[in-house]
Amino acid sequence: MVDTDAFGKLELELRRGVLVLATLSQLRAPRYGYELRQALADRGMVIEEGTLYPLLRRLETQGFLTSEWKIQDGPPRRYYAVNADGLALLKKLTESWQGMNTTMHRLLQGD
């Protein structure tokens, strides 16, 4: 029987490893935080605000995202989008993910 606490911690580690890739994939067009959370959740990647916003700030500080405040229908919102360096990172991470996914498929199938 699998210890549910141990499983939860290990599953969280797996999710953390893909959050950057998932986030970048949804920022090809500018989105504000809540909108991004919804887009990720709609595709099966639920992410908490306390995880998302520090990740966005870190990616911006690292030079992979741009952001700007916009006032549209409602309160001011900070919109994030990948820049050229972010698109290059997304491409490299996607290639790496696809390679790991292929390898894991072979390993899990016993090939």
N, C-alpha and C. Protein backbone atom coordinates (compact mmCIF):
# COMPACT_ATOMS: atom_id res chain seq x y z
N MET A 1 0.84 -1.18 0.00
CA MET A 1 0.00 0.00 0.00
C MET A 1 0.89 1.25 0.00
N VAL A 2 0.53 2.23 -0.79
CA VAL A 2 1.31 3.45 -0.92
C VAL A 2 0.91 4.44 0.16
N ASP A 3 1.89 4.96 0.86
CA ASP A 3 1.67 6.00 1.87
C ASP A 3 1.19 7.26 1.15
N THR A 4 -0.01 7.72 1.49
CA THR A 4 -0.59 8.86 0.78
C THR A 4 0.21 10.14 0.99
N ASP A 5 0.80 10.32 2.17
CA ASP A 5 1.64 11.51 2.40
C ASP A 5 2.87 11.48 1.51
N ALA A 6 3.52 10.32 1.43
CA ALA A 6 4.70 10.19 0.58
C ALA A 6 4.33 10.39 -0.88
N PHE A 7 3.21 9.80 -1.30
CA PHE A 7 2.76 9.96 -2.67
C PHE A 7 2.51 11.43 -2.98
N GLY A 8 1.81 12.12 -2.09
CA GLY A 8 1.49 13.53 -2.31
C GLY A 8 2.74 14.37 -2.48
N LYS A 9 3.76 14.12 -1.67
CA LYS A 9 5.01 14.87 -1.76
C LYS A 9 5.73 14.58 -3.07
N LEU A 10 5.75 13.32 -3.48
CA LEU A 10 6.42 12.96 -4.73
C LEU A 10 5.66 13.48 -5.94
N GLU A 11 4.35 13.44 -5.88
CA GLU A 11 3.55 14.00 -6.98
C GLU A 11 3.78 15.51 -7.09
N LEU A 12 3.88 16.19 -5.96
CA LEU A 12 4.14 17.63 -5.96
C LEU A 12 5.49 17.92 -6.62
N GLU A 13 6.49 17.11 -6.36
CA GLU A 13 7.79 17.28 -7.01
C GLU A 13 7.67 17.16 -8.52
N LEU A 14 6.91 16.18 -8.99
CA LEU A 14 6.70 16.02 -10.44
C LEU A 14 6.03 17.26 -11.02
N ARG A 15 5.01 17.77 -10.36
CA ARG A 15 4.30 18.96 -10.85
C ARG A 15 5.20 20.18 -10.88
N ARG A 16 6.00 20.37 -9.84
CA ARG A 16 6.90 21.53 -9.80
C ARG A 16 7.83 21.54 -10.99
N GLY A 17 8.23 20.37 -11.42
CA GLY A 17 9.15 20.26 -12.54
C GLY A 17 8.58 20.72 -13.86
N VAL A 18 7.27 20.76 -13.99
CA VAL A 18 6.66 21.15 -15.26
C VAL A 18 5.95 22.51 -15.21
N LEU A 19 5.94 23.16 -14.06
CA LEU A 19 5.20 24.42 -13.94
C LEU A 19 5.75 25.52 -14.84
N VAL A 20 7.07 25.61 -14.98
CA VAL A 20 7.65 26.64 -15.84
C VAL A 20 7.20 26.41 -17.29
N LEU A 21 7.32 25.18 -17.75
CA LEU A 21 6.92 24.85 -19.12
C LEU A 21 5.42 25.12 -19.32
N ALA A 22 4.60 24.70 -18.38
CA ALA A 22 3.16 24.92 -18.50
C ALA A 22 2.84 26.41 -18.54
N THR A 23 3.47 27.17 -17.67
CA THR A 23 3.23 28.61 -17.59
C THR A 23 3.65 29.32 -18.87
N LEU A 24 4.86 29.04 -19.34
CA LEU A 24 5.34 29.67 -20.57
C LEU A 24 4.43 29.33 -21.75
N SER A 25 3.94 28.09 -21.77
CA SER A 25 3.10 27.67 -22.90
C SER A 25 1.81 28.47 -23.01
N GLN A 26 1.36 29.05 -21.90
CA GLN A 26 0.10 29.79 -21.90
C GLN A 26 0.30 31.30 -21.96
N LEU A 27 1.55 31.73 -22.11
CA LEU A 27 1.83 33.17 -22.16
C LEU A 27 2.35 33.64 -23.52
N ARG A 28 2.00 32.91 -24.57
CA ARG A 28 2.37 33.37 -25.91
C ARG A 28 1.64 34.67 -26.24
N ALA A 29 0.46 34.82 -25.66
CA ALA A 29 -0.30 36.08 -25.72
C ALA A 29 -0.40 36.60 -24.29
N PRO A 30 -0.42 37.92 -24.11
CA PRO A 30 -0.46 38.48 -22.76
C PRO A 30 -1.69 38.03 -21.97
N ARG A 31 -1.44 37.71 -20.70
CA ARG A 31 -2.52 37.33 -19.78
C ARG A 31 -2.21 37.89 -18.40
N TYR A 32 -3.24 38.21 -17.66
CA TYR A 32 -3.03 38.59 -16.27
C TYR A 32 -3.13 37.32 -15.40
N GLY A 33 -2.71 37.42 -14.16
CA GLY A 33 -2.55 36.25 -13.31
C GLY A 33 -3.76 35.35 -13.21
N TYR A 34 -4.92 35.92 -12.88
CA TYR A 34 -6.12 35.10 -12.73
C TYR A 34 -6.48 34.41 -14.04
N GLU A 35 -6.38 35.15 -15.13
CA GLU A 35 -6.68 34.60 -16.46
C GLU A 35 -5.74 33.43 -16.78
N LEU A 36 -4.47 33.59 -16.43
CA LEU A 36 -3.48 32.53 -16.63
C LEU A 36 -3.82 31.31 -15.78
N ARG A 37 -4.16 31.54 -14.51
CA ARG A 37 -4.56 30.42 -13.63
C ARG A 37 -5.72 29.66 -14.22
N GLN A 38 -6.71 30.38 -14.75
CA GLN A 38 -7.88 29.73 -15.34
C GLN A 38 -7.51 28.93 -16.59
N ALA A 39 -6.65 29.52 -17.43
CA ALA A 39 -6.22 28.82 -18.66
C ALA A 39 -5.50 27.52 -18.30
N LEU A 40 -4.64 27.58 -17.30
CA LEU A 40 -3.92 26.38 -16.86
C LEU A 40 -4.90 25.36 -16.27
N ALA A 41 -5.80 25.82 -15.40
CA ALA A 41 -6.76 24.91 -14.76
C ALA A 41 -7.68 24.27 -15.79
N ASP A 42 -8.10 25.04 -16.79
CA ASP A 42 -8.98 24.51 -17.84
C ASP A 42 -8.31 23.38 -18.62
N ARG A 43 -6.98 23.36 -18.60
CA ARG A 43 -6.23 22.33 -19.32
C ARG A 43 -5.67 21.28 -18.37
N GLY A 44 -6.13 21.31 -17.11
CA GLY A 44 -5.75 20.27 -16.15
C GLY A 44 -4.58 20.58 -15.24
N MET A 45 -4.03 21.79 -15.31
CA MET A 45 -2.88 22.15 -14.49
C MET A 45 -3.32 23.19 -13.46
N VAL A 46 -3.82 22.73 -12.34
CA VAL A 46 -4.26 23.63 -11.27
C VAL A 46 -3.02 24.16 -10.56
N ILE A 47 -2.97 25.48 -10.35
CA ILE A 47 -1.83 26.11 -9.69
C ILE A 47 -2.35 27.16 -8.72
N GLU A 48 -1.80 27.16 -7.54
CA GLU A 48 -2.22 28.11 -6.51
C GLU A 48 -1.61 29.47 -6.75
N GLU A 49 -2.30 30.52 -6.30
CA GLU A 49 -1.78 31.89 -6.45
C GLU A 49 -0.42 32.04 -5.79
N GLY A 50 -0.25 31.42 -4.64
CA GLY A 50 1.01 31.50 -3.91
C GLY A 50 2.17 30.85 -4.62
N THR A 51 1.89 30.04 -5.61
CA THR A 51 2.92 29.43 -6.45
C THR A 51 3.09 30.22 -7.73
N LEU A 52 1.98 30.63 -8.33
CA LEU A 52 2.02 31.28 -9.63
C LEU A 52 2.71 32.64 -9.62
N TYR A 53 2.31 33.51 -8.71
CA TYR A 53 2.84 34.88 -8.75
C TYR A 53 4.34 34.96 -8.49
N PRO A 54 4.87 34.21 -7.52
CA PRO A 54 6.34 34.20 -7.38
C PRO A 54 7.04 33.64 -8.62
N LEU A 55 6.42 32.64 -9.27
CA LEU A 55 6.99 32.08 -10.49
C LEU A 55 7.02 33.14 -11.60
N LEU A 56 5.94 33.88 -11.76
CA LEU A 56 5.90 34.93 -12.78
C LEU A 56 6.96 36.00 -12.52
N ARG A 57 7.09 36.41 -11.27
CA ARG A 57 8.10 37.43 -10.93
C ARG A 57 9.51 36.91 -11.19
N ARG A 58 9.74 35.65 -10.85
CA ARG A 58 11.07 35.06 -11.07
C ARG A 58 11.39 34.98 -12.57
N LEU A 59 10.43 34.52 -13.38
CA LEU A 59 10.66 34.42 -14.82
C LEU A 59 10.88 35.80 -15.44
N GLU A 60 10.20 36.80 -14.91
CA GLU A 60 10.41 38.16 -15.41
C GLU A 60 11.81 38.66 -15.01
N THR A 61 12.19 38.43 -13.78
CA THR A 61 13.52 38.84 -13.31
C THR A 61 14.63 38.14 -14.10
N GLN A 62 14.38 36.89 -14.47
CA GLN A 62 15.36 36.13 -15.25
C GLN A 62 15.38 36.55 -16.72
N GLY A 63 14.45 37.39 -17.13
CA GLY A 63 14.46 37.92 -18.48
C GLY A 63 13.66 37.14 -19.51
N PHE A 64 12.74 36.27 -19.05
CA PHE A 64 11.96 35.45 -19.97
C PHE A 64 10.54 35.97 -20.21
N LEU A 65 10.09 36.89 -19.36
CA LEU A 65 8.76 37.48 -19.49
C LEU A 65 8.85 38.99 -19.47
N THR A 66 7.87 39.61 -20.10
CA THR A 66 7.67 41.05 -19.93
C THR A 66 6.32 41.21 -19.23
N SER A 67 6.15 42.35 -18.60
CA SER A 67 4.85 42.61 -17.98
C SER A 67 4.53 44.09 -18.11
N GLU A 68 3.25 44.38 -18.08
CA GLU A 68 2.81 45.76 -18.08
C GLU A 68 1.45 45.84 -17.41
N TRP A 69 1.23 46.97 -16.76
CA TRP A 69 -0.05 47.23 -16.13
C TRP A 69 -1.00 47.79 -17.18
N LYS A 70 -2.22 47.26 -17.18
CA LYS A 70 -3.26 47.75 -18.09
C LYS A 70 -4.53 48.00 -17.29
N ILE A 71 -5.22 49.04 -17.68
CA ILE A 71 -6.54 49.31 -17.10
C ILE A 71 -7.55 49.15 -18.22
N GLN A 72 -8.38 48.13 -18.07
CA GLN A 72 -9.44 47.92 -19.05
C GLN A 72 -10.75 47.95 -18.28
N ASP A 73 -11.64 47.09 -18.53
CA ASP A 73 -12.93 47.07 -17.82
C ASP A 73 -12.72 46.51 -16.41
N GLY A 74 -12.40 47.38 -15.48
CA GLY A 74 -12.21 46.94 -14.10
C GLY A 74 -10.92 47.49 -13.52
N PRO A 75 -10.41 46.80 -12.51
CA PRO A 75 -9.20 47.29 -11.83
C PRO A 75 -7.96 47.12 -12.70
N PRO A 76 -6.88 47.85 -12.36
CA PRO A 76 -5.62 47.66 -13.09
C PRO A 76 -5.14 46.22 -12.93
N ARG A 77 -4.61 45.66 -14.01
CA ARG A 77 -4.10 44.28 -13.98
C ARG A 77 -2.73 44.24 -14.62
N ARG A 78 -1.88 43.40 -14.07
CA ARG A 78 -0.55 43.22 -14.64
C ARG A 78 -0.61 42.06 -15.63
N TYR A 79 -0.31 42.35 -16.88
CA TYR A 79 -0.32 41.35 -17.94
C TYR A 79 1.11 40.87 -18.19
N TYR A 80 1.25 39.56 -18.30
CA TYR A 80 2.55 38.93 -18.55
C TYR A 80 2.53 38.28 -19.93
N ALA A 81 3.69 38.26 -20.59
CA ALA A 81 3.83 37.57 -21.87
C ALA A 81 5.28 37.14 -22.04
N VAL A 82 5.49 36.06 -22.77
CA VAL A 82 6.86 35.64 -23.05
C VAL A 82 7.47 36.63 -24.05
N ASN A 83 8.74 36.88 -23.89
CA ASN A 83 9.48 37.71 -24.85
C ASN A 83 10.30 36.76 -25.74
N ALA A 84 11.20 37.29 -26.53
CA ALA A 84 12.00 36.45 -27.44
C ALA A 84 12.81 35.40 -26.67
N ASP A 85 13.43 35.81 -25.56
CA ASP A 85 14.19 34.85 -24.76
C ASP A 85 13.26 33.79 -24.15
N GLY A 86 12.06 34.21 -23.76
CA GLY A 86 11.09 33.27 -23.21
C GLY A 86 10.62 32.28 -24.25
N LEU A 87 10.43 32.74 -25.48
CA LEU A 87 10.05 31.81 -26.57
C LEU A 87 11.15 30.81 -26.86
N ALA A 88 12.41 31.28 -26.81
CA ALA A 88 13.54 30.37 -27.02
C ALA A 88 13.60 29.34 -25.89
N LEU A 89 13.37 29.79 -24.66
CA LEU A 89 13.35 28.87 -23.52
C LEU A 89 12.20 27.88 -23.66
N LEU A 90 11.04 28.36 -24.04
CA LEU A 90 9.88 27.48 -24.24
C LEU A 90 10.19 26.40 -25.26
N LYS A 91 10.84 26.79 -26.35
CA LYS A 91 11.19 25.81 -27.40
C LYS A 91 12.15 24.75 -26.85
N LYS A 92 13.18 25.19 -26.13
CA LYS A 92 14.16 24.24 -25.58
C LYS A 92 13.54 23.34 -24.52
N LEU A 93 12.73 23.92 -23.64
CA LEU A 93 12.08 23.11 -22.61
C LEU A 93 11.09 22.12 -23.22
N THR A 94 10.38 22.55 -24.27
CA THR A 94 9.45 21.66 -24.95
C THR A 94 10.19 20.47 -25.56
N GLU A 95 11.29 20.74 -26.23
CA GLU A 95 12.09 19.65 -26.81
C GLU A 95 12.59 18.71 -25.72
N SER A 96 13.07 19.27 -24.62
CA SER A 96 13.55 18.46 -23.52
C SER A 96 12.42 17.62 -22.92
N TRP A 97 11.26 18.24 -22.71
CA TRP A 97 10.11 17.53 -22.17
C TRP A 97 9.69 16.38 -23.09
N GLN A 98 9.64 16.65 -24.38
CA GLN A 98 9.23 15.60 -25.32
C GLN A 98 10.21 14.43 -25.31
N GLY A 99 11.50 14.74 -25.20
CA GLY A 99 12.50 13.68 -25.11
C GLY A 99 12.35 12.86 -23.83
N MET A 100 12.14 13.55 -22.71
CA MET A 100 11.95 12.84 -21.44
C MET A 100 10.67 12.02 -21.45
N ASN A 101 9.63 12.58 -22.06
CA ASN A 101 8.35 11.88 -22.13
C ASN A 101 8.50 10.59 -22.95
N THR A 102 9.22 10.66 -24.06
CA THR A 102 9.46 9.47 -24.88
C THR A 102 10.25 8.43 -24.09
N THR A 103 11.29 8.89 -23.41
CA THR A 103 12.11 7.98 -22.61
C THR A 103 11.29 7.33 -21.50
N MET A 104 10.50 8.14 -20.79
CA MET A 104 9.68 7.59 -19.71
C MET A 104 8.64 6.61 -20.25
N HIS A 105 8.08 6.89 -21.40
CA HIS A 105 7.13 5.96 -22.00
C HIS A 105 7.80 4.61 -22.23
N ARG A 106 9.01 4.63 -22.79
CA ARG A 106 9.74 3.37 -23.03
C ARG A 106 10.04 2.66 -21.71
N LEU A 107 10.47 3.42 -20.71
CA LEU A 107 10.79 2.82 -19.41
C LEU A 107 9.57 2.20 -18.75
N LEU A 108 8.46 2.92 -18.80
CA LEU A 108 7.26 2.44 -18.15
C LEU A 108 6.61 1.26 -18.88
N GLN A 109 6.85 1.19 -20.19
CA GLN A 109 6.31 0.07 -20.98
C GLN A 109 7.22 -1.14 -20.91
N GLY A 110 8.41 -0.96 -20.35
CA GLY A 110 9.33 -2.08 -20.21
C GLY A 110 10.14 -2.36 -21.45
N ASP A 111 10.22 -1.43 -22.39
CA ASP A 111 11.03 -1.63 -23.62
C ASP A 111 12.50 -1.48 -23.30
